[in-house]
C-alpha cells in the first residue's frame, strides 16, 4: 500500500512538472516570436557573469516567456512554482548590454516589479519595457530579500540572455 501511495505522489509531481514545463521552447529563439527561458538558482552580476560562491536557501523553479511587443517593447512573463510560500519576490527585467554600471530597480535599462507567492509557493508577474538603444538582449533576475543581509535569501536568474 505504501508503494502505491508513493507512486501516486511521484506521478502527481511529475504531472505538475510536465504541465509547467511542457510548453518550453528553444530559449535561443529570438524574442520576436517568443522564447521560454528557465530561471535557475544562479546569482549573476549586472554583466550576466555567474557568481559561483553565492549560495541560495531557496527551493522551487521558474521560467520566463520573453517576447517583443511591437518594434520597441519587450515583455517578460515571469512564473515561479514551489518557491517559498507567502513570500515577496522582487523581479527585474534587465537589458543587455547595460547602459550603466548598475542593474538595480531604477537604473537605466532596468524595469522592476514584484509579486507575493501563494500558499503553494507559486507566483507570476508580467513586466513590459521600452527597448533602449544599443540593447541586444534581455534577462530576468528574481530575488527574495534577506532581512539581515544585502545578499538575497533566494534568487533565480535567466539561463541565457534572450536576443531581441
N, C-alpha and C. Protein backbone atom coordinates (compact mmCIF):
# COMPACT_ATOMS: atom_id res chain seq x y z
N UNK A 1 0.81 -1.19 0.00
CA UNK A 1 0.00 0.00 0.00
C UNK A 1 0.86 1.26 0.00
N UNK A 2 1.95 1.25 0.79
CA UNK A 2 2.84 2.42 0.83
C UNK A 2 3.46 2.69 -0.53
N UNK A 3 3.80 1.63 -1.25
CA UNK A 3 4.39 1.81 -2.58
C UNK A 3 3.40 2.45 -3.54
N UNK A 4 2.15 2.06 -3.46
CA UNK A 4 1.14 2.64 -4.34
C UNK A 4 0.98 4.12 -4.04
N UNK A 5 0.91 4.49 -2.78
CA UNK A 5 0.78 5.90 -2.41
C UNK A 5 2.01 6.68 -2.86
N UNK A 6 3.19 6.12 -2.65
CA UNK A 6 4.42 6.80 -3.08
C UNK A 6 4.43 6.98 -4.59
N UNK A 7 4.00 5.98 -5.35
CA UNK A 7 3.95 6.11 -6.80
C UNK A 7 2.94 7.16 -7.23
N UNK A 8 1.81 7.25 -6.54
CA UNK A 8 0.82 8.27 -6.86
C UNK A 8 1.38 9.67 -6.60
N UNK A 9 2.10 9.85 -5.51
CA UNK A 9 2.68 11.16 -5.20
C UNK A 9 3.73 11.53 -6.23
N UNK A 10 4.61 10.60 -6.55
CA UNK A 10 5.64 10.86 -7.56
C UNK A 10 4.99 11.15 -8.90
N UNK A 11 3.98 10.38 -9.27
CA UNK A 11 3.29 10.60 -10.54
C UNK A 11 2.63 11.96 -10.60
N UNK A 12 2.00 12.39 -9.50
CA UNK A 12 1.36 13.71 -9.46
C UNK A 12 2.40 14.82 -9.58
N UNK A 13 3.55 14.66 -8.92
CA UNK A 13 4.62 15.66 -9.03
C UNK A 13 5.15 15.73 -10.45
N UNK A 14 5.32 14.59 -11.09
CA UNK A 14 5.82 14.57 -12.47
C UNK A 14 4.80 15.21 -13.41
N UNK A 15 3.50 14.95 -13.17
CA UNK A 15 2.46 15.56 -14.00
C UNK A 15 2.48 17.08 -13.84
N UNK A 16 2.62 17.56 -12.60
CA UNK A 16 2.69 19.00 -12.37
C UNK A 16 3.88 19.63 -13.06
N UNK A 17 5.03 18.98 -12.99
CA UNK A 17 6.22 19.50 -13.67
C UNK A 17 6.04 19.48 -15.18
N UNK A 18 5.39 18.43 -15.70
CA UNK A 18 5.15 18.35 -17.14
C UNK A 18 4.21 19.46 -17.57
N UNK A 19 3.18 19.72 -16.79
CA UNK A 19 2.24 20.78 -17.15
C UNK A 19 2.93 22.13 -17.12
N UNK A 20 3.83 22.37 -16.16
CA UNK A 20 4.51 23.65 -16.05
C UNK A 20 5.54 23.83 -17.16
N UNK A 21 6.34 22.81 -17.42
CA UNK A 21 7.43 22.92 -18.38
C UNK A 21 7.06 22.41 -19.76
N UNK A 22 5.88 21.84 -19.94
CA UNK A 22 5.51 21.19 -21.19
C UNK A 22 5.53 22.09 -22.40
N UNK A 23 5.34 23.38 -22.22
CA UNK A 23 5.31 24.29 -23.36
C UNK A 23 6.66 24.94 -23.64
N UNK A 24 7.69 24.51 -22.94
CA UNK A 24 9.00 25.15 -23.09
C UNK A 24 9.52 24.98 -24.51
N UNK A 25 10.01 26.07 -25.07
CA UNK A 25 10.56 26.05 -26.42
C UNK A 25 12.06 26.22 -26.38
N UNK A 26 12.64 26.50 -27.50
CA UNK A 26 14.07 26.71 -27.61
C UNK A 26 14.38 28.12 -27.11
N UNK A 27 15.20 28.22 -26.08
CA UNK A 27 15.49 29.50 -25.46
C UNK A 27 16.33 30.41 -26.35
N UNK A 28 17.02 29.85 -27.31
CA UNK A 28 17.87 30.66 -28.17
C UNK A 28 17.08 31.36 -29.26
N UNK A 29 15.80 31.09 -29.39
CA UNK A 29 14.98 31.75 -30.39
C UNK A 29 14.92 33.23 -30.10
N UNK A 30 14.80 34.06 -31.16
CA UNK A 30 14.73 35.48 -30.88
C UNK A 30 13.35 35.81 -30.29
N UNK A 31 13.28 36.90 -29.57
CA UNK A 31 12.10 37.23 -28.80
C UNK A 31 10.93 37.71 -29.65
N UNK A 32 11.12 37.96 -30.94
CA UNK A 32 10.01 38.42 -31.76
C UNK A 32 8.93 37.36 -31.85
N UNK A 33 9.30 36.08 -31.78
CA UNK A 33 8.32 35.00 -31.81
C UNK A 33 8.04 34.46 -30.42
N UNK A 34 8.77 34.91 -29.43
CA UNK A 34 8.60 34.44 -28.06
C UNK A 34 9.61 33.37 -27.72
N UNK A 35 10.15 33.42 -26.53
CA UNK A 35 11.14 32.44 -26.08
C UNK A 35 10.87 32.09 -24.63
N UNK A 36 10.88 30.80 -24.31
CA UNK A 36 10.77 30.36 -22.92
C UNK A 36 12.18 30.13 -22.40
N UNK A 37 12.48 30.75 -21.27
CA UNK A 37 13.82 30.66 -20.69
C UNK A 37 13.69 30.17 -19.25
N UNK A 38 14.41 29.09 -18.89
CA UNK A 38 14.37 28.64 -17.50
C UNK A 38 15.01 29.66 -16.57
N UNK A 39 14.47 29.74 -15.36
CA UNK A 39 15.08 30.54 -14.30
C UNK A 39 15.80 29.57 -13.38
N UNK A 40 17.09 29.76 -13.20
CA UNK A 40 17.90 28.85 -12.40
C UNK A 40 18.44 29.57 -11.17
N UNK A 41 18.75 28.83 -10.10
CA UNK A 41 19.25 29.47 -8.86
C UNK A 41 20.72 29.86 -8.96
N UNK A 42 21.00 30.78 -9.88
CA UNK A 42 22.35 31.30 -10.07
C UNK A 42 22.32 32.80 -9.81
N UNK A 43 23.23 33.26 -8.97
CA UNK A 43 23.36 34.68 -8.69
C UNK A 43 24.26 35.28 -9.77
N UNK A 44 23.76 36.30 -10.45
CA UNK A 44 24.52 36.89 -11.55
C UNK A 44 24.78 38.38 -11.27
N UNK A 45 25.95 38.82 -11.72
CA UNK A 45 26.29 40.24 -11.66
C UNK A 45 25.55 40.96 -12.79
N UNK A 46 25.62 42.27 -12.81
CA UNK A 46 24.92 43.06 -13.82
C UNK A 46 25.39 42.77 -15.24
N UNK A 47 26.61 42.27 -15.41
CA UNK A 47 27.10 41.92 -16.75
C UNK A 47 26.77 40.47 -17.11
N UNK A 48 25.92 39.80 -16.32
CA UNK A 48 25.43 38.44 -16.51
C UNK A 48 26.44 37.37 -16.13
N UNK A 49 27.59 37.74 -15.56
CA UNK A 49 28.53 36.71 -15.11
C UNK A 49 27.98 36.03 -13.86
N UNK A 50 28.23 34.75 -13.73
CA UNK A 50 27.72 33.94 -12.64
C UNK A 50 28.67 34.03 -11.45
N UNK A 51 28.15 34.46 -10.30
CA UNK A 51 28.92 34.50 -9.05
C UNK A 51 28.79 33.12 -8.40
N UNK A 52 29.76 32.25 -8.62
CA UNK A 52 29.64 30.84 -8.24
C UNK A 52 29.62 30.59 -6.75
N UNK A 53 30.10 31.49 -5.93
CA UNK A 53 30.18 31.25 -4.49
C UNK A 53 29.03 31.87 -3.69
N UNK A 54 27.95 32.24 -4.34
CA UNK A 54 26.80 32.81 -3.64
C UNK A 54 25.74 31.71 -3.54
N UNK A 55 25.47 31.29 -2.31
CA UNK A 55 24.52 30.19 -2.08
C UNK A 55 23.11 30.73 -1.90
N UNK A 56 22.14 29.88 -2.22
CA UNK A 56 20.74 30.21 -2.01
C UNK A 56 20.13 29.23 -1.02
N UNK A 57 19.19 29.71 -0.23
CA UNK A 57 18.45 28.85 0.69
C UNK A 57 17.12 28.43 0.10
N UNK A 58 16.83 28.90 -1.09
CA UNK A 58 15.52 28.71 -1.68
C UNK A 58 15.31 27.37 -2.36
N UNK A 59 14.06 27.15 -2.63
CA UNK A 59 13.64 25.98 -3.39
C UNK A 59 12.78 26.46 -4.53
N UNK A 60 12.31 25.55 -5.31
CA UNK A 60 11.40 25.90 -6.39
C UNK A 60 12.10 26.03 -7.72
N UNK A 61 11.32 26.41 -8.71
CA UNK A 61 11.85 26.61 -10.05
C UNK A 61 10.98 27.64 -10.75
N UNK A 62 11.42 28.07 -11.88
CA UNK A 62 10.67 29.07 -12.61
C UNK A 62 11.06 29.15 -14.06
N UNK A 63 10.34 30.00 -14.74
CA UNK A 63 10.63 30.27 -16.15
C UNK A 63 10.09 31.64 -16.50
N UNK A 64 10.56 32.14 -17.61
CA UNK A 64 10.04 33.40 -18.12
C UNK A 64 9.78 33.25 -19.61
N UNK A 65 8.72 33.85 -20.08
CA UNK A 65 8.41 33.91 -21.50
C UNK A 65 8.73 35.33 -21.94
N UNK A 66 9.69 35.46 -22.84
CA UNK A 66 10.13 36.78 -23.29
C UNK A 66 9.72 36.95 -24.75
N UNK A 67 9.10 38.09 -25.04
CA UNK A 67 8.67 38.36 -26.41
C UNK A 67 8.72 39.85 -26.67
N UNK A 68 8.70 40.21 -27.96
CA UNK A 68 8.64 41.62 -28.34
C UNK A 68 7.19 42.01 -28.55
N UNK A 69 6.86 43.22 -28.19
CA UNK A 69 5.53 43.78 -28.43
C UNK A 69 5.74 45.02 -29.29
N UNK A 70 5.45 44.89 -30.55
CA UNK A 70 5.72 45.99 -31.47
C UNK A 70 7.21 46.07 -31.77
N UNK A 71 7.63 47.21 -32.25
CA UNK A 71 9.03 47.34 -32.66
C UNK A 71 9.95 47.78 -31.53
N UNK A 72 9.39 48.35 -30.46
CA UNK A 72 10.28 48.90 -29.43
C UNK A 72 9.91 48.51 -28.00
N UNK A 73 9.16 47.44 -27.80
CA UNK A 73 8.79 46.98 -26.46
C UNK A 73 9.20 45.52 -26.28
N UNK A 74 9.57 45.18 -25.06
CA UNK A 74 9.85 43.80 -24.70
C UNK A 74 8.98 43.44 -23.50
N UNK A 75 8.47 42.20 -23.50
CA UNK A 75 7.58 41.73 -22.44
C UNK A 75 8.18 40.47 -21.84
N UNK A 76 8.18 40.40 -20.51
CA UNK A 76 8.65 39.20 -19.80
C UNK A 76 7.54 38.73 -18.86
N UNK A 77 7.06 37.53 -19.09
CA UNK A 77 6.07 36.91 -18.21
C UNK A 77 6.84 35.94 -17.32
N UNK A 78 6.93 36.25 -16.03
CA UNK A 78 7.75 35.50 -15.08
C UNK A 78 6.85 34.64 -14.20
N UNK A 79 7.25 33.35 -14.03
CA UNK A 79 6.48 32.42 -13.20
C UNK A 79 7.42 31.64 -12.29
N UNK A 80 7.04 31.50 -11.03
CA UNK A 80 7.74 30.63 -10.09
C UNK A 80 6.75 29.59 -9.58
N UNK A 81 7.25 28.38 -9.32
CA UNK A 81 6.45 27.36 -8.66
C UNK A 81 7.29 26.72 -7.56
N UNK A 82 6.60 26.26 -6.53
CA UNK A 82 7.23 25.57 -5.39
C UNK A 82 8.33 26.40 -4.73
N UNK A 83 8.22 27.72 -4.81
CA UNK A 83 9.16 28.61 -4.12
C UNK A 83 8.67 28.79 -2.68
N UNK A 84 9.24 29.73 -1.96
CA UNK A 84 8.82 29.97 -0.58
C UNK A 84 7.36 30.43 -0.55
N UNK A 85 6.48 29.72 0.15
CA UNK A 85 5.08 30.14 0.25
C UNK A 85 4.93 31.46 1.01
N UNK A 86 3.94 32.25 0.59
CA UNK A 86 3.59 33.51 1.25
C UNK A 86 4.79 34.45 1.39
N UNK A 87 5.60 34.54 0.36
CA UNK A 87 6.81 35.38 0.41
C UNK A 87 6.78 36.40 -0.73
N UNK A 88 7.48 37.52 -0.52
CA UNK A 88 7.59 38.55 -1.55
C UNK A 88 8.86 38.34 -2.38
N UNK A 89 8.74 38.44 -3.68
CA UNK A 89 9.87 38.34 -4.60
C UNK A 89 9.94 39.61 -5.43
N UNK A 90 11.15 40.13 -5.59
CA UNK A 90 11.42 41.26 -6.49
C UNK A 90 11.79 40.69 -7.86
N UNK A 91 11.39 41.38 -8.91
CA UNK A 91 11.69 40.94 -10.27
C UNK A 91 12.26 42.13 -11.04
N UNK A 92 13.35 41.86 -11.77
CA UNK A 92 13.94 42.90 -12.63
C UNK A 92 14.12 42.35 -14.04
N UNK A 93 13.67 43.10 -15.02
CA UNK A 93 13.92 42.82 -16.43
C UNK A 93 15.08 43.71 -16.82
N UNK A 94 16.21 43.08 -17.17
CA UNK A 94 17.47 43.81 -17.37
C UNK A 94 17.87 43.76 -18.84
N UNK A 95 18.09 44.93 -19.43
CA UNK A 95 18.53 44.99 -20.82
C UNK A 95 20.04 44.86 -20.89
N UNK A 96 20.50 44.21 -21.94
CA UNK A 96 21.93 43.95 -22.10
C UNK A 96 22.38 44.35 -23.50
N UNK A 97 23.54 44.96 -23.65
CA UNK A 97 24.43 45.41 -22.59
C UNK A 97 23.80 46.56 -21.82
N UNK A 98 24.12 46.62 -20.55
CA UNK A 98 23.54 47.63 -19.67
C UNK A 98 24.09 49.01 -20.02
N UNK A 99 23.21 50.02 -20.10
CA UNK A 99 23.71 51.36 -20.40
C UNK A 99 24.44 52.00 -19.22
N UNK A 100 24.31 51.42 -18.02
CA UNK A 100 25.00 51.93 -16.84
C UNK A 100 25.68 50.76 -16.11
N UNK A 101 26.45 51.07 -15.09
CA UNK A 101 27.15 50.03 -14.34
C UNK A 101 26.20 49.22 -13.45
N UNK A 102 25.11 49.82 -13.01
CA UNK A 102 24.20 49.14 -12.10
C UNK A 102 23.04 48.46 -12.81
N UNK A 103 22.40 47.53 -12.09
CA UNK A 103 21.21 46.88 -12.64
C UNK A 103 20.13 46.73 -11.57
N UNK A 104 20.08 47.71 -10.69
CA UNK A 104 19.06 47.72 -9.65
C UNK A 104 17.80 48.41 -10.13
N UNK A 105 16.74 48.27 -9.35
CA UNK A 105 15.49 48.96 -9.68
C UNK A 105 15.77 50.46 -9.77
N UNK A 106 15.31 51.07 -10.84
CA UNK A 106 15.53 52.50 -11.04
C UNK A 106 16.72 52.83 -11.93
N UNK A 107 17.62 51.86 -12.15
CA UNK A 107 18.76 52.10 -13.05
C UNK A 107 18.28 52.09 -14.50
N UNK A 108 19.02 52.77 -15.37
CA UNK A 108 18.69 52.80 -16.79
C UNK A 108 18.72 51.38 -17.37
N UNK A 109 17.74 51.06 -18.18
CA UNK A 109 17.68 49.74 -18.81
C UNK A 109 17.12 48.64 -17.91
N UNK A 110 16.57 49.02 -16.75
CA UNK A 110 16.02 48.04 -15.80
C UNK A 110 14.56 48.39 -15.52
N UNK A 111 13.69 47.40 -15.67
CA UNK A 111 12.29 47.55 -15.29
C UNK A 111 12.05 46.61 -14.13
N UNK A 112 11.44 47.13 -13.05
CA UNK A 112 11.30 46.34 -11.83
C UNK A 112 9.84 46.21 -11.41
N UNK A 113 9.57 45.14 -10.69
CA UNK A 113 8.25 44.88 -10.12
C UNK A 113 8.39 43.85 -9.03
N UNK A 114 7.30 43.33 -8.58
CA UNK A 114 7.34 42.32 -7.54
C UNK A 114 6.03 41.57 -7.44
N UNK A 115 6.05 40.43 -6.76
CA UNK A 115 4.83 39.66 -6.52
C UNK A 115 4.99 38.89 -5.22
N UNK A 116 3.86 38.46 -4.68
CA UNK A 116 3.83 37.62 -3.49
C UNK A 116 3.36 36.23 -3.90
N UNK A 117 4.05 35.21 -3.40
CA UNK A 117 3.65 33.84 -3.73
C UNK A 117 2.43 33.44 -2.91
N UNK A 118 1.72 32.44 -3.41
CA UNK A 118 0.55 31.92 -2.69
C UNK A 118 0.98 30.83 -1.72
N UNK A 119 0.04 30.10 -1.16
CA UNK A 119 0.33 29.09 -0.17
C UNK A 119 1.13 27.91 -0.68
N UNK A 120 1.16 27.71 -2.00
CA UNK A 120 1.96 26.63 -2.57
C UNK A 120 3.31 27.11 -3.09
N UNK A 121 3.58 28.41 -2.98
CA UNK A 121 4.85 28.96 -3.46
C UNK A 121 4.83 29.36 -4.92
N UNK A 122 3.63 29.52 -5.49
CA UNK A 122 3.51 29.93 -6.90
C UNK A 122 3.24 31.43 -6.97
N UNK A 123 3.81 32.04 -7.99
CA UNK A 123 3.59 33.46 -8.22
C UNK A 123 3.95 33.81 -9.65
N UNK A 124 3.40 34.92 -10.13
CA UNK A 124 3.66 35.33 -11.51
C UNK A 124 3.56 36.84 -11.62
N UNK A 125 4.24 37.36 -12.64
CA UNK A 125 4.26 38.79 -12.90
C UNK A 125 4.62 39.00 -14.37
N UNK A 126 4.04 40.02 -14.98
CA UNK A 126 4.39 40.41 -16.33
C UNK A 126 5.00 41.81 -16.29
N UNK A 127 6.19 41.95 -16.87
CA UNK A 127 6.86 43.25 -16.97
C UNK A 127 6.98 43.63 -18.45
N UNK A 128 6.81 44.91 -18.74
CA UNK A 128 6.97 45.41 -20.10
C UNK A 128 7.87 46.62 -20.06
N UNK A 129 8.75 46.74 -21.04
CA UNK A 129 9.70 47.85 -21.06
C UNK A 129 9.94 48.31 -22.48
N UNK A 130 10.25 49.59 -22.61
CA UNK A 130 10.70 50.13 -23.89
C UNK A 130 12.16 49.72 -24.08
N UNK A 131 12.49 49.25 -25.26
CA UNK A 131 13.84 48.79 -25.55
C UNK A 131 14.75 50.00 -25.76
N UNK A 132 15.82 50.07 -24.97
CA UNK A 132 16.79 51.16 -25.09
C UNK A 132 17.64 50.98 -26.35
N UNK A 133 18.22 52.07 -26.84
CA UNK A 133 19.11 51.97 -27.99
C UNK A 133 20.33 51.13 -27.62
N UNK A 134 20.86 50.40 -28.54
CA UNK A 134 22.02 49.52 -28.39
C UNK A 134 21.74 48.24 -27.60
N UNK A 135 20.51 48.01 -27.16
CA UNK A 135 20.17 46.77 -26.45
C UNK A 135 20.10 45.63 -27.45
N UNK A 136 20.76 44.53 -27.12
CA UNK A 136 20.75 43.36 -27.99
C UNK A 136 20.03 42.17 -27.37
N UNK A 137 19.78 42.23 -26.04
CA UNK A 137 19.10 41.13 -25.37
C UNK A 137 18.59 41.55 -24.01
N UNK A 138 17.81 40.66 -23.39
CA UNK A 138 17.28 40.92 -22.05
C UNK A 138 17.37 39.65 -21.21
N UNK A 139 17.40 39.84 -19.90
CA UNK A 139 17.37 38.72 -18.97
C UNK A 139 16.63 39.13 -17.71
N UNK A 140 16.29 38.16 -16.87
CA UNK A 140 15.47 38.40 -15.70
C UNK A 140 16.20 37.98 -14.43
N UNK A 141 16.06 38.78 -13.38
CA UNK A 141 16.60 38.47 -12.06
C UNK A 141 15.44 38.52 -11.07
N UNK A 142 15.19 37.40 -10.38
CA UNK A 142 14.13 37.30 -9.37
C UNK A 142 14.81 37.03 -8.04
N UNK A 143 14.44 37.79 -6.98
CA UNK A 143 15.06 37.53 -5.68
C UNK A 143 14.08 37.77 -4.54
N UNK A 144 14.33 37.06 -3.45
CA UNK A 144 13.61 37.25 -2.18
C UNK A 144 14.58 37.91 -1.23
N UNK A 145 14.33 39.15 -0.84
CA UNK A 145 15.28 39.89 0.00
C UNK A 145 15.50 39.24 1.37
N UNK A 146 16.68 39.45 1.90
CA UNK A 146 17.03 38.99 3.24
C UNK A 146 16.85 40.14 4.22
N UNK A 147 16.26 39.88 5.39
CA UNK A 147 16.14 40.96 6.37
C UNK A 147 17.45 41.28 7.08
N UNK A 148 18.47 40.41 6.91
CA UNK A 148 19.72 40.57 7.66
C UNK A 148 20.97 40.71 6.80
N UNK A 149 20.80 40.79 5.47
CA UNK A 149 21.96 40.84 4.59
C UNK A 149 21.59 41.55 3.29
N UNK A 150 22.61 42.04 2.58
CA UNK A 150 22.36 42.61 1.26
C UNK A 150 22.23 41.52 0.21
N UNK A 151 22.70 40.33 0.52
CA UNK A 151 22.56 39.20 -0.40
C UNK A 151 21.18 38.58 -0.20
N UNK A 152 20.42 38.39 -1.28
CA UNK A 152 19.08 37.82 -1.11
C UNK A 152 19.12 36.40 -0.55
N UNK A 153 18.04 36.01 0.13
CA UNK A 153 17.90 34.66 0.67
C UNK A 153 17.73 33.66 -0.46
N UNK A 154 17.00 34.07 -1.46
CA UNK A 154 16.58 33.17 -2.54
C UNK A 154 16.65 33.97 -3.84
N UNK A 155 17.10 33.34 -4.92
CA UNK A 155 17.20 34.06 -6.18
C UNK A 155 17.16 33.09 -7.36
N UNK A 156 16.72 33.63 -8.49
CA UNK A 156 16.68 32.91 -9.76
C UNK A 156 17.04 33.91 -10.85
N UNK A 157 17.81 33.46 -11.84
CA UNK A 157 18.13 34.31 -12.98
C UNK A 157 17.92 33.54 -14.28
N UNK A 158 17.76 34.28 -15.37
CA UNK A 158 17.62 33.65 -16.69
C UNK A 158 18.84 32.80 -16.99
N UNK A 159 18.62 31.69 -17.63
CA UNK A 159 19.72 30.82 -18.01
C UNK A 159 20.53 31.42 -19.16
N UNK A 160 19.88 32.23 -19.99
CA UNK A 160 20.56 32.90 -21.12
C UNK A 160 20.09 34.35 -21.22
N UNK A 161 20.83 35.14 -21.96
CA UNK A 161 20.37 36.46 -22.37
C UNK A 161 19.57 36.23 -23.65
N UNK A 162 18.30 36.57 -23.64
CA UNK A 162 17.45 36.35 -24.81
C UNK A 162 17.65 37.46 -25.82
N UNK A 163 18.06 37.12 -27.04
CA UNK A 163 18.23 38.16 -28.07
C UNK A 163 16.90 38.81 -28.44
N UNK A 164 16.93 40.13 -28.64
CA UNK A 164 15.70 40.81 -29.06
C UNK A 164 15.94 41.62 -30.31
